[in-house]
C-alpha cells in the first residue's frame, strides 16, 4: 500500500489551530499507539487528531483534504478486521472524546449520541426509563457506537433483535468535502434512497459519522437463561437447528466447545462443566408465562439431542455469571496461548455441524488448536486459532488455516464475515462471494461518496495481491444452500 508522506510542519500547525496542541499527536512515540486495532495489521498514522465536536471533525477533514492526506476514522480500536489501521499513513481521527448523550426521547424511544459513546454505557444511561439498546457485541464494555455503525456489529442478542443496522434511525455525517449533513431520522416511513443503510457497515470508507440516532427498546418484562450441556459439539449443533425449527426464536443462542470452556471456567468461574463436549447458552425474553412454556419446549428439544443436563437460571446473579463467561471468552483464551487469530464466518444453521467438523480437520492438518465460541443462533462462527507468534513462520500457517476456514463457510452457503467487517483482513476474499461486476458496482458507490479515494483507503476491496487468482464460489449454489 502506498504511504502518503508530507512535510508535517504546516499540517500540525493547522490541526493545532482546530483542536489544540493537547489533542493532536504527531511524535512517533505517540502515534505508534494507534498503529493497530484488534488485529495483527500495522500502520502508523502521520498524525492523530482527537476532536470533541462535529464542527472540529469538519475542520479536520478540510485540512487533511488540502494536504492530500488519507483520513482514517477510529473508535475504541477493538475492531477485528484491520478497519481502523492507518496502513497508508495520513490523518487518523479518533472519536474517544465525542461520547455525549445529546438527546433522549423516552416517548418516541430514540436517543442521539456521539460516535465515541461506549456501547454498554448507552443502555446504562437509559435503564431508569426501562429502555435498552439491543446490539451487544462481546466487547460492549469498550467498543463504541460509532465503531459499531462502521462494522454493522452484532452480538449474542442479534438473533432476536437484529444487527446494528436495524437500530440506527439517522446519522449526521461529514463528507469527504468537509460538509456536514443529516441523513435518515425518526420518520417511520422515510422516502428516497436508504443512505443510512449505505453508511452502516461501510467501515469508514464513505463518510465520517458525528452523531447517531439510535432506536431504543423497552426492557422485556422477564428474562430466563438456560445452560444446556452436551456430550459432543455435534449434538449441540443439531439441537440449535431443532430449537429454531420448533418455532422458538430465543433472544440469544451461544455455543462454546471444550477448549474454550476450560479457559473460561479457569478465568471467570461461571459454573461451566469441564467435561462437556459443547455447551449451549440460550436466553429468552418475554412474559413470565411465555418463557416458562418456551423453556420447557427447549428442554424437550435438547433431551431429544443427547443433552446431558439442562440448567435454568432465573435469578439475575446466576444469569450474570453465565454471561460473564461468554463475554469474557476471548480474553480467557490467553490462558491457553499467547496469541490467537479470530475468524468471523457465517453459515446456515443446518450446516453448523458439518462446518465445525471441517474447521477441526483444518486445525489438525496445520497442527493448530482451534477454540470455538460463536453465535449459534444465526450461524455466526468465531473460530479462534491459538498460536505463539514467537514460533518462526507460524503467522503464515495461521493465516492459511484462517483462509481455509472462511472458504469452507462460503462453500456452505455462508459469508466471509458476519459482524467484524472486511477491512484489510478479508479484502482478498471478497471475490469468493461477488462477481467482478458486483464488486465494480460497490467501487462506483465508493467513488460517488469519495472520488479521490482518501477515506480509509485500502480497505474492503480486493487489492492486486490475489485479485483474480481465486475463483469465486457459484453464487447460485451458495444461495440455494442458504434456503
Protein backbone atom coordinates (compact mmCIF):
# COMPACT_ATOMS: atom_id res chain seq x y z
CA UNK A 1 0.00 0.00 0.00
CA UNK A 2 1.41 3.40 -0.98
CA UNK A 3 2.16 5.56 2.04
CA UNK A 4 1.40 9.28 1.87
CA UNK A 5 4.34 11.35 3.16
CA UNK A 6 4.33 15.11 3.59
CA UNK A 7 6.28 17.77 5.44
CA UNK A 8 4.13 17.79 8.57
CA UNK A 9 5.09 21.22 9.98
CA UNK A 10 2.29 23.15 8.30
CA UNK A 11 -0.14 20.26 8.76
CA UNK A 12 0.49 20.18 12.50
CA UNK A 13 0.09 23.94 12.80
CA UNK A 14 -3.27 23.90 11.01
CA UNK A 15 -4.61 20.99 13.09
CA UNK A 16 -3.44 22.55 16.35
CA UNK A 17 -5.50 25.60 15.42
CA UNK A 18 -8.56 23.32 15.20
CA UNK A 19 -8.28 21.01 18.24
CA UNK A 20 -5.47 22.46 20.37
CA UNK A 21 -1.98 21.07 20.88
CA UNK A 22 -3.08 18.71 23.68
CA UNK A 23 -5.44 16.87 21.33
CA UNK A 24 -3.02 16.39 18.44
CA UNK A 25 -0.37 13.66 18.39
CA UNK A 26 2.42 13.73 15.82
CA UNK A 27 5.55 12.43 17.54
CA UNK A 28 6.47 8.82 16.62
CA UNK A 29 6.34 7.68 20.25
CA UNK A 30 2.73 8.93 20.41
CA UNK A 31 1.35 7.95 17.01
CA UNK A 32 2.65 4.38 17.29
CA UNK A 33 -0.01 3.76 19.94
CA UNK A 34 -2.57 3.97 17.13
CA UNK A 35 -0.81 1.61 14.72
CA UNK A 36 -3.30 -1.25 15.08
CA UNK A 37 -6.73 -2.34 16.21
CA UNK A 38 -7.56 -5.83 17.46
CA UNK A 39 -5.70 -7.49 14.58
CA UNK A 40 -2.07 -8.13 13.71
CA UNK A 41 -2.15 -5.49 10.96
CA UNK A 42 0.08 -2.45 11.48
CA UNK A 43 0.32 1.08 10.08
CA UNK A 44 1.45 4.30 11.73
CA UNK A 45 -0.54 7.49 11.05
CA UNK A 46 1.13 10.77 10.15
CA UNK A 47 -0.89 12.49 12.87
CA UNK A 48 -3.65 11.55 15.31
CA UNK A 49 -6.41 14.11 15.90
CA UNK A 50 -8.87 13.84 18.80
CA UNK A 51 -11.76 16.26 18.10
CA UNK A 52 -14.57 16.82 20.59
CA UNK A 53 -17.30 18.07 18.24
CA UNK A 54 -18.75 17.61 14.78
CA UNK A 55 -17.55 21.11 13.91
CA UNK A 56 -13.98 20.12 14.68
CA UNK A 57 -14.33 16.96 12.57
CA UNK A 58 -15.45 19.12 9.65
CA UNK A 59 -12.42 21.36 10.03
CA UNK A 60 -10.01 18.43 10.35
CA UNK A 61 -11.36 16.83 7.18
CA UNK A 62 -10.85 20.06 5.26
CA UNK A 63 -7.25 20.33 6.47
CA UNK A 64 -6.50 16.74 5.52
CA UNK A 65 -8.06 17.25 2.11
CA UNK A 66 -5.98 20.37 1.45
CA UNK A 67 -2.85 18.39 2.23
CA UNK A 68 -3.91 15.44 0.10
CA UNK A 69 -3.75 13.05 3.03
CA UNK A 70 -5.91 9.98 3.62
CA UNK A 71 -8.35 10.05 6.53
CA UNK A 72 -8.87 7.07 8.82
CA UNK A 73 -11.68 7.15 11.42
CA UNK A 74 -11.16 5.22 14.67
CA UNK A 75 -13.43 4.37 17.57
CA UNK A 76 -12.13 2.35 20.52
CA UNK A 77 -9.70 0.27 18.46
CA UNK A 78 -11.46 -3.02 19.30
CA UNK A 79 -12.14 -3.88 15.64
CA UNK A 80 -11.12 -7.31 14.40
CA UNK A 81 -10.61 -6.81 10.66
CA UNK A 82 -7.96 -4.07 10.49
CA UNK A 83 -10.53 -1.47 9.51
CA UNK A 84 -9.02 1.25 11.72
CA UNK A 85 -5.41 0.55 10.74
CA UNK A 86 -3.82 3.58 9.00
CA UNK A 87 -1.79 1.46 6.60
CA UNK A 88 -1.37 4.44 4.25
CA UNK A 89 -0.39 6.89 6.97
CA UNK A 90 -2.41 10.10 6.90
CA UNK A 91 -4.73 11.70 9.44
CA UNK A 92 -6.31 9.37 11.97
CA UNK A 93 -9.44 10.88 13.53
CA UNK A 94 -10.22 9.32 16.91
CA UNK A 95 -13.68 9.85 18.38
CA UNK A 96 -12.87 8.96 22.01
CA UNK A 97 -13.70 12.49 23.24
CA UNK A 98 -17.07 12.58 21.43
CA UNK A 99 -19.04 10.43 23.83
CA UNK A 100 -22.03 12.51 24.91
CA UNK A 101 -25.71 11.59 25.07
CA UNK A 102 -27.14 14.56 23.18
CA UNK A 103 -30.87 13.80 23.28
CA UNK A 104 -33.16 11.21 24.81
CA UNK A 105 -36.79 10.95 23.69
CA UNK A 106 -38.41 8.44 26.01
CA UNK A 107 -41.88 8.66 24.45
CA UNK A 108 -40.63 8.00 20.93
CA UNK A 109 -37.92 5.64 22.13
CA UNK A 110 -34.83 7.05 20.50
CA UNK A 111 -31.61 8.74 21.52
CA UNK A 112 -28.99 10.80 19.74
CA UNK A 113 -25.43 10.04 20.77
CA UNK A 114 -21.93 10.91 19.63
CA UNK A 115 -19.85 8.17 17.99
CA UNK A 116 -17.49 7.78 20.96
CA UNK A 117 -20.30 6.66 23.28
CA UNK A 118 -19.36 3.24 24.69
CA UNK A 119 -21.95 0.62 23.79
CA UNK A 120 -22.69 -0.62 27.32
CA UNK A 121 -22.88 2.93 28.70
CA UNK A 122 -25.85 3.77 26.49
CA UNK A 123 -28.06 1.05 27.98
CA UNK A 124 -26.91 2.07 31.46
CA UNK A 125 -27.91 5.68 30.81
CA UNK A 126 -31.43 4.84 29.62
CA UNK A 127 -32.10 1.95 32.04
CA UNK A 128 -34.01 4.14 34.52
CA UNK A 129 -36.55 4.76 31.76
CA UNK A 130 -36.97 0.98 31.33
CA UNK A 131 -35.26 1.13 27.92
CA UNK A 132 -32.17 -0.51 26.43
CA UNK A 133 -30.05 -0.53 23.27
CA UNK A 134 -30.18 -4.01 21.79
CA UNK A 135 -26.92 -4.60 19.80
CA UNK A 136 -24.44 -6.07 22.30
CA UNK A 137 -21.03 -7.06 20.87
CA UNK A 138 -18.92 -9.09 23.28
CA UNK A 139 -16.62 -6.06 23.57
CA UNK A 140 -19.55 -3.82 24.53
CA UNK A 141 -17.83 -2.56 27.70
CA UNK A 142 -15.15 -0.99 25.48
CA UNK A 143 -16.41 -0.69 21.88
CA UNK A 144 -18.21 2.45 20.74
CA UNK A 145 -21.47 3.08 18.93
CA UNK A 146 -19.57 4.77 16.09
CA UNK A 147 -17.38 1.71 15.62
CA UNK A 148 -20.47 -0.50 15.75
CA UNK A 149 -22.02 1.59 12.97
CA UNK A 150 -18.87 1.29 10.86
CA UNK A 151 -18.78 -2.50 11.14
CA UNK A 152 -22.53 -3.20 11.46
CA UNK A 153 -21.74 -5.08 14.65
CA UNK A 154 -23.91 -7.82 16.04
CA UNK A 155 -23.60 -9.67 19.30
CA UNK A 156 -25.30 -12.54 21.10
CA UNK A 157 -28.76 -10.95 21.07
CA UNK A 158 -28.84 -10.17 17.35
CA UNK A 159 -30.74 -13.45 16.82
CA UNK A 160 -33.95 -11.85 18.07
CA UNK A 161 -33.20 -8.14 17.83
CA UNK A 162 -31.09 -7.82 14.69
CA UNK A 163 -27.76 -6.20 13.86
CA UNK A 164 -26.70 -2.58 14.39
CA UNK A 165 -28.31 -1.54 11.09
CA UNK A 166 -31.73 -2.49 12.48
CA UNK A 167 -31.35 0.04 15.30
CA UNK A 168 -29.96 3.10 13.52
CA UNK A 169 -32.60 5.65 12.55
CA UNK A 170 -30.45 8.52 11.36
CA UNK A 171 -26.89 9.79 11.12
CA UNK A 172 -25.09 13.08 11.00
CA UNK A 173 -22.14 12.64 8.66
CA UNK A 174 -19.20 14.67 7.44
CA UNK A 175 -18.47 14.13 3.76
CA UNK A 176 -15.04 13.99 2.18
CA UNK A 177 -15.53 17.67 1.23
CA UNK A 178 -15.83 18.59 4.89
CA UNK A 179 -19.58 19.24 4.68
CA UNK A 180 -21.89 18.17 7.49
CA UNK A 181 -25.38 16.79 6.82
CA UNK A 182 -28.14 14.65 8.36
CA UNK A 183 -29.43 11.52 6.67
CA UNK A 184 -32.39 9.49 7.85
CA UNK A 185 -34.29 10.33 11.02
CA UNK A 186 -37.21 9.30 13.18
CA UNK A 187 -39.72 9.27 10.30
CA UNK A 188 -41.21 5.75 10.37
CA UNK A 189 -41.58 5.67 6.58
CA UNK A 190 -38.61 7.52 5.04
CA UNK A 191 -38.54 8.27 1.32
CA UNK A 192 -35.67 8.29 -1.14
CA UNK A 193 -32.53 6.21 -1.14
CA UNK A 194 -31.56 4.46 2.08
CA UNK A 195 -28.34 6.40 2.66
CA UNK A 196 -28.27 5.35 6.32
CA UNK A 197 -28.21 1.73 5.20
CA UNK A 198 -25.31 2.51 2.87
CA UNK A 199 -23.23 4.15 5.61
CA UNK A 200 -23.83 1.47 8.25
CA UNK A 201 -21.26 -1.24 7.64
CA UNK A 202 -19.22 0.85 5.18
CA UNK A 203 -16.20 0.76 7.52
CA UNK A 204 -15.42 4.47 7.31
CA UNK A 205 -14.93 4.43 3.54
CA UNK A 206 -17.89 6.67 2.60
CA UNK A 207 -18.15 9.36 5.28
CA UNK A 208 -17.35 10.14 8.91
CA UNK A 209 -20.19 9.74 11.41
CA UNK A 210 -20.51 12.51 14.01
CA UNK A 211 -23.97 11.89 15.51
CA UNK A 212 -26.11 8.76 15.66
CA UNK A 213 -29.87 8.48 16.20
CA UNK A 214 -30.46 5.06 17.73
CA UNK A 215 -33.63 3.10 18.32
CA UNK A 216 -34.27 2.13 21.95
CA UNK A 217 -36.44 -0.78 23.05
CA UNK A 218 -38.49 -1.41 26.20
CA UNK A 219 -36.85 -3.84 28.56
CA UNK A 220 -38.55 -7.24 28.38
CA UNK A 221 -40.79 -7.96 31.39
CA UNK A 222 -38.95 -11.21 32.10
CA UNK A 223 -35.75 -12.96 31.06
CA UNK A 224 -34.63 -16.53 31.50
CA UNK A 225 -31.22 -18.03 30.75
CA UNK A 226 -30.69 -21.71 30.05
CA UNK A 227 -27.41 -23.65 30.07
CA UNK A 228 -27.61 -26.91 28.10
CA UNK A 229 -24.67 -29.30 28.45
CA UNK A 230 -23.96 -31.75 25.63
CA UNK A 231 -21.51 -34.66 25.28
CA UNK A 232 -20.41 -33.50 21.82
CA UNK A 233 -20.45 -30.40 19.64
CA UNK A 234 -22.34 -32.41 17.01
CA UNK A 235 -25.23 -32.94 19.41
CA UNK A 236 -25.23 -29.27 20.43
CA UNK A 237 -25.30 -28.14 16.77
CA UNK A 238 -28.22 -30.42 15.99
CA UNK A 239 -30.11 -29.03 18.97
CA UNK A 240 -29.67 -25.45 17.70
CA UNK A 241 -31.33 -26.24 14.38
CA UNK A 242 -34.08 -28.20 16.11
CA UNK A 243 -34.89 -25.34 18.52
CA UNK A 244 -35.41 -22.87 15.68
CA UNK A 245 -37.29 -25.45 13.61
CA UNK A 246 -39.66 -25.86 16.55
CA UNK A 247 -40.71 -22.23 16.05
CA UNK A 248 -38.81 -20.86 19.04
CA UNK A 249 -36.78 -17.66 18.49
CA UNK A 250 -34.63 -17.08 21.58
CA UNK A 251 -33.08 -13.70 22.26
CA UNK A 252 -29.68 -15.41 22.07
CA UNK A 253 -28.12 -18.82 21.45
CA UNK A 254 -24.39 -19.04 22.11
CA UNK A 255 -22.15 -22.08 21.91
CA UNK A 256 -18.68 -22.98 23.21
CA UNK A 257 -16.52 -26.03 22.72
CA UNK A 258 -14.50 -27.84 25.38
CA UNK A 259 -11.30 -25.92 24.64
CA UNK A 260 -12.98 -22.56 25.21
CA UNK A 261 -14.95 -23.75 28.23
CA UNK A 262 -11.81 -24.89 30.03
CA UNK A 263 -10.20 -21.46 29.61
CA UNK A 264 -13.34 -19.54 30.56
CA UNK A 265 -14.03 -21.54 33.68
CA UNK A 266 -10.49 -21.07 34.95
CA UNK A 267 -10.74 -17.32 34.41
CA UNK A 268 -14.35 -16.45 35.27
CA UNK A 269 -15.73 -19.37 37.32
CA UNK A 270 -19.06 -19.14 35.53
CA UNK A 271 -20.12 -22.64 36.53
CA UNK A 272 -19.48 -24.28 33.16
CA UNK A 273 -18.73 -28.03 33.26
CA UNK A 274 -15.20 -29.00 32.27
CA UNK A 275 -16.11 -32.43 30.93
CA UNK A 276 -18.70 -31.33 28.33
CA UNK A 277 -18.08 -31.63 24.59
CA UNK A 278 -20.11 -28.48 23.97
CA UNK A 279 -22.33 -26.11 25.90
CA UNK A 280 -25.26 -24.05 24.66
CA UNK A 281 -26.28 -20.81 26.36
CA UNK A 282 -29.86 -19.81 25.50
CA UNK A 283 -31.59 -16.63 26.64
CA UNK A 284 -35.31 -15.98 26.39
CA UNK A 285 -37.06 -12.59 26.60
CA UNK A 286 -40.81 -12.15 27.10
CA UNK A 287 -43.51 -12.57 29.71
CA UNK A 288 -43.06 -14.99 32.58
CA UNK A 289 -45.82 -17.26 31.24
CA UNK A 290 -44.37 -17.32 27.73
CA UNK A 291 -40.86 -18.01 29.00
CA UNK A 292 -41.97 -20.95 31.11
CA UNK A 293 -43.54 -22.60 28.06
CA UNK A 294 -40.57 -21.83 25.82
CA UNK A 295 -38.07 -23.10 28.39
CA UNK A 296 -39.98 -26.36 28.66
CA UNK A 297 -40.01 -26.73 24.87
CA UNK A 298 -36.28 -26.04 24.61
CA UNK A 299 -35.52 -28.58 27.31
CA UNK A 300 -37.63 -31.16 25.47
CA UNK A 301 -35.78 -30.50 22.21
CA UNK A 302 -32.41 -30.78 23.97
CA UNK A 303 -33.48 -34.07 25.57
CA UNK A 304 -34.05 -35.41 22.06
CA UNK A 305 -30.47 -34.48 21.14
CA UNK A 306 -28.45 -36.23 23.82
CA UNK A 307 -28.32 -33.32 26.27
CA UNK A 308 -26.64 -34.37 29.49
CA UNK A 309 -28.04 -31.64 31.70
CA UNK A 310 -30.21 -28.53 31.43
CA UNK A 311 -29.84 -25.74 33.98
CA UNK A 312 -32.27 -22.81 34.16
CA UNK A 313 -31.11 -19.54 35.73
CA UNK A 314 -33.92 -17.33 36.96
CA UNK A 315 -32.05 -15.08 39.36
CA UNK A 316 -30.13 -12.10 37.97
CA UNK A 317 -26.85 -13.05 39.66
CA UNK A 318 -26.98 -16.53 38.12
CA UNK A 319 -27.62 -15.11 34.66
CA UNK A 320 -24.88 -12.51 35.08
CA UNK A 321 -22.38 -15.21 35.97
CA UNK A 322 -23.25 -17.32 32.94
CA UNK A 323 -22.99 -14.33 30.60
CA UNK A 324 -19.76 -13.16 32.21
CA UNK A 325 -18.28 -16.41 30.99
CA UNK A 326 -19.47 -15.88 27.44
CA UNK A 327 -18.50 -12.21 27.29
CA UNK A 328 -15.08 -12.99 28.75
CA UNK A 329 -14.34 -15.93 26.49
CA UNK A 330 -11.86 -14.24 24.14
CA UNK A 331 -9.82 -12.75 26.94
CA UNK A 332 -9.74 -16.10 28.72
CA UNK A 333 -8.08 -17.76 25.73
CA UNK A 334 -4.86 -16.02 26.77
CA UNK A 335 -4.55 -18.77 29.37
CA UNK A 336 -4.09 -21.32 26.59
CA UNK A 337 -1.76 -19.50 24.19
CA UNK A 338 -0.05 -16.10 23.98
CA UNK A 339 -1.79 -15.28 20.68
CA UNK A 340 -4.97 -16.13 18.82
CA UNK A 341 -6.37 -15.28 15.39
CA UNK A 342 -10.15 -14.88 15.40
CA UNK A 343 -12.25 -15.54 12.32
CA UNK A 344 -15.80 -14.42 11.63
CA UNK A 345 -17.55 -16.64 9.12
CA UNK A 346 -21.27 -17.22 8.77
CA UNK A 347 -23.00 -20.45 7.77
CA UNK A 348 -26.62 -21.64 7.60
CA UNK A 349 -27.65 -23.17 10.93
CA UNK A 350 -28.27 -26.51 9.24
CA UNK A 351 -24.58 -26.59 8.21
CA UNK A 352 -23.13 -25.89 11.67
CA UNK A 353 -22.24 -29.50 12.41
CA UNK A 354 -20.60 -30.11 9.04
CA UNK A 355 -18.63 -26.86 9.03
CA UNK A 356 -17.33 -27.26 12.59
CA UNK A 357 -16.11 -30.73 11.70
CA UNK A 358 -14.18 -29.27 8.78
CA UNK A 359 -12.80 -26.49 10.98
CA UNK A 360 -11.48 -29.16 13.33
CA UNK A 361 -9.91 -31.04 10.42
CA UNK A 362 -8.20 -27.86 9.19
CA UNK A 363 -6.75 -27.19 12.64
CA UNK A 364 -5.43 -30.74 12.91
CA UNK A 365 -3.88 -30.61 9.44
CA UNK A 366 -1.96 -27.45 10.32
CA UNK A 367 -1.12 -28.66 13.82
CA UNK A 368 -3.08 -25.80 15.39
CA UNK A 369 -5.62 -25.77 18.21
CA UNK A 370 -8.90 -24.06 17.31
CA UNK A 371 -11.16 -22.81 20.11
CA UNK A 372 -14.75 -22.25 19.03
CA UNK A 373 -17.12 -19.73 20.62
CA UNK A 374 -19.90 -18.36 18.45
CA UNK A 375 -23.40 -17.02 17.91
CA UNK A 376 -25.01 -20.36 17.10
CA UNK A 377 -28.50 -18.94 16.61
CA UNK A 378 -27.59 -17.04 13.45
CA UNK A 379 -24.70 -19.26 12.37
CA UNK A 380 -22.01 -16.65 13.04
CA UNK A 381 -18.85 -18.64 13.79
CA UNK A 382 -15.81 -17.33 15.65
CA UNK A 383 -13.09 -20.00 15.36
CA UNK A 384 -10.06 -18.81 17.33
CA UNK A 385 -6.77 -20.23 16.09
CA UNK A 386 -4.36 -20.43 19.04
CA UNK A 387 -0.63 -19.94 18.44
CA UNK A 388 2.64 -18.49 19.71
CA UNK A 389 3.81 -15.63 17.49
CA UNK A 390 7.42 -16.29 18.55
CA UNK A 391 7.42 -19.51 16.52
CA UNK A 392 9.16 -18.87 13.17
CA UNK A 393 6.76 -18.92 10.23
CA UNK A 394 3.70 -19.59 12.39
CA UNK A 395 1.81 -16.47 11.25
CA UNK A 396 1.73 -17.70 7.66
CA UNK A 397 0.35 -21.07 8.76
CA UNK A 398 -2.30 -19.38 10.89
CA UNK A 399 -3.41 -17.10 8.05
CA UNK A 400 -3.60 -20.00 5.63
CA UNK A 401 -5.69 -22.00 8.07
CA UNK A 402 -7.96 -18.99 8.63
CA UNK A 403 -8.44 -18.54 4.89
CA UNK A 404 -9.38 -22.21 4.51
CA UNK A 405 -11.94 -21.87 7.30
CA UNK A 406 -13.59 -18.90 5.61
CA UNK A 407 -13.57 -20.72 2.29
CA UNK A 408 -15.46 -23.58 3.91
CA UNK A 409 -18.04 -21.10 5.24
CA UNK A 410 -18.62 -19.62 1.77
CA UNK A 411 -18.87 -23.04 0.14
CA UNK A 412 -21.51 -23.96 2.73
CA UNK A 413 -23.63 -21.03 1.56
CA UNK A 414 -22.41 -18.51 4.09
CA UNK A 415 -20.22 -15.43 4.24
CA UNK A 416 -16.65 -14.31 4.99
CA UNK A 417 -17.86 -12.04 7.79
CA UNK A 418 -20.88 -11.65 10.00
CA UNK A 419 -20.07 -8.67 12.22
CA UNK A 420 -16.34 -7.91 12.17
CA UNK A 421 -16.24 -6.31 8.73
CA UNK A 422 -13.89 -6.89 5.79
CA UNK A 423 -11.20 -4.29 6.43
CA UNK A 424 -7.76 -5.43 5.28
CA UNK A 425 -8.06 -8.86 6.86
CA UNK A 426 -10.62 -10.28 4.41
CA UNK A 427 -10.44 -7.95 1.40
CA UNK A 428 -8.88 -10.53 -0.91
CA UNK A 429 -11.71 -12.96 -0.09
CA UNK A 430 -14.46 -10.66 -1.34
CA UNK A 431 -14.15 -12.25 -4.79
CA UNK A 432 -15.29 -15.55 -3.30
CA UNK A 433 -18.74 -14.06 -2.78
CA UNK A 434 -19.20 -11.49 -5.53
CA UNK A 435 -18.61 -11.32 -9.26
CA UNK A 436 -16.27 -8.67 -10.74
CA UNK A 437 -19.34 -6.76 -11.94
CA UNK A 438 -20.83 -6.70 -8.43
CA UNK A 439 -17.55 -5.53 -6.93
CA UNK A 440 -17.32 -2.80 -9.59
CA UNK A 441 -20.77 -1.55 -8.57
CA UNK A 442 -19.56 -1.31 -4.97
CA UNK A 443 -16.47 0.59 -6.14
CA UNK A 444 -18.74 3.01 -8.02
CA UNK A 445 -20.70 3.69 -4.83
CA UNK A 446 -17.42 4.36 -3.02
CA UNK A 447 -16.35 6.74 -5.82
CA UNK A 448 -19.66 8.63 -5.63
CA UNK A 449 -19.01 9.45 -1.96
CA UNK A 450 -15.22 9.69 -2.18
CA UNK A 451 -13.96 10.38 -5.73
CA UNK A 452 -10.31 10.72 -4.72
CA UNK A 453 -10.31 7.61 -2.52
CA UNK A 454 -8.94 9.27 0.61
CA UNK A 455 -11.48 7.97 3.14
CA UNK A 456 -9.99 4.89 4.83
CA UNK A 457 -8.14 3.77 1.67
CA UNK A 458 -7.00 0.20 1.14
CA UNK A 459 -9.97 -1.37 2.92
CA UNK A 460 -12.73 -3.79 1.82
CA UNK A 461 -11.93 -4.12 -1.90
CA UNK A 462 -9.54 -6.77 -3.24
CA UNK A 463 -6.05 -5.46 -3.94
CA UNK A 464 -3.56 -6.59 -6.56
CA UNK A 465 -2.41 -9.44 -4.35
CA UNK A 466 -4.52 -12.48 -5.11
CA UNK A 467 -7.05 -10.49 -7.10
CA UNK A 468 -8.37 -12.61 -9.92
CA UNK A 469 -6.36 -15.61 -8.81
CA UNK A 470 -9.07 -17.16 -6.67
CA UNK A 471 -12.15 -18.44 -8.39
CA UNK A 472 -15.38 -17.36 -6.76
CA UNK A 473 -17.97 -19.81 -5.49
CA UNK A 474 -21.00 -20.06 -7.77
CA UNK A 475 -23.48 -17.68 -6.10
CA UNK A 476 -26.45 -19.66 -7.36
CA UNK A 477 -25.20 -22.71 -5.45
CA UNK A 478 -24.44 -20.57 -2.40
CA UNK A 479 -27.90 -19.03 -2.37
CA UNK A 480 -29.51 -22.40 -2.86
CA UNK A 481 -27.61 -23.75 0.13
CA UNK A 482 -28.99 -20.97 2.32
CA UNK A 483 -32.62 -21.81 1.60
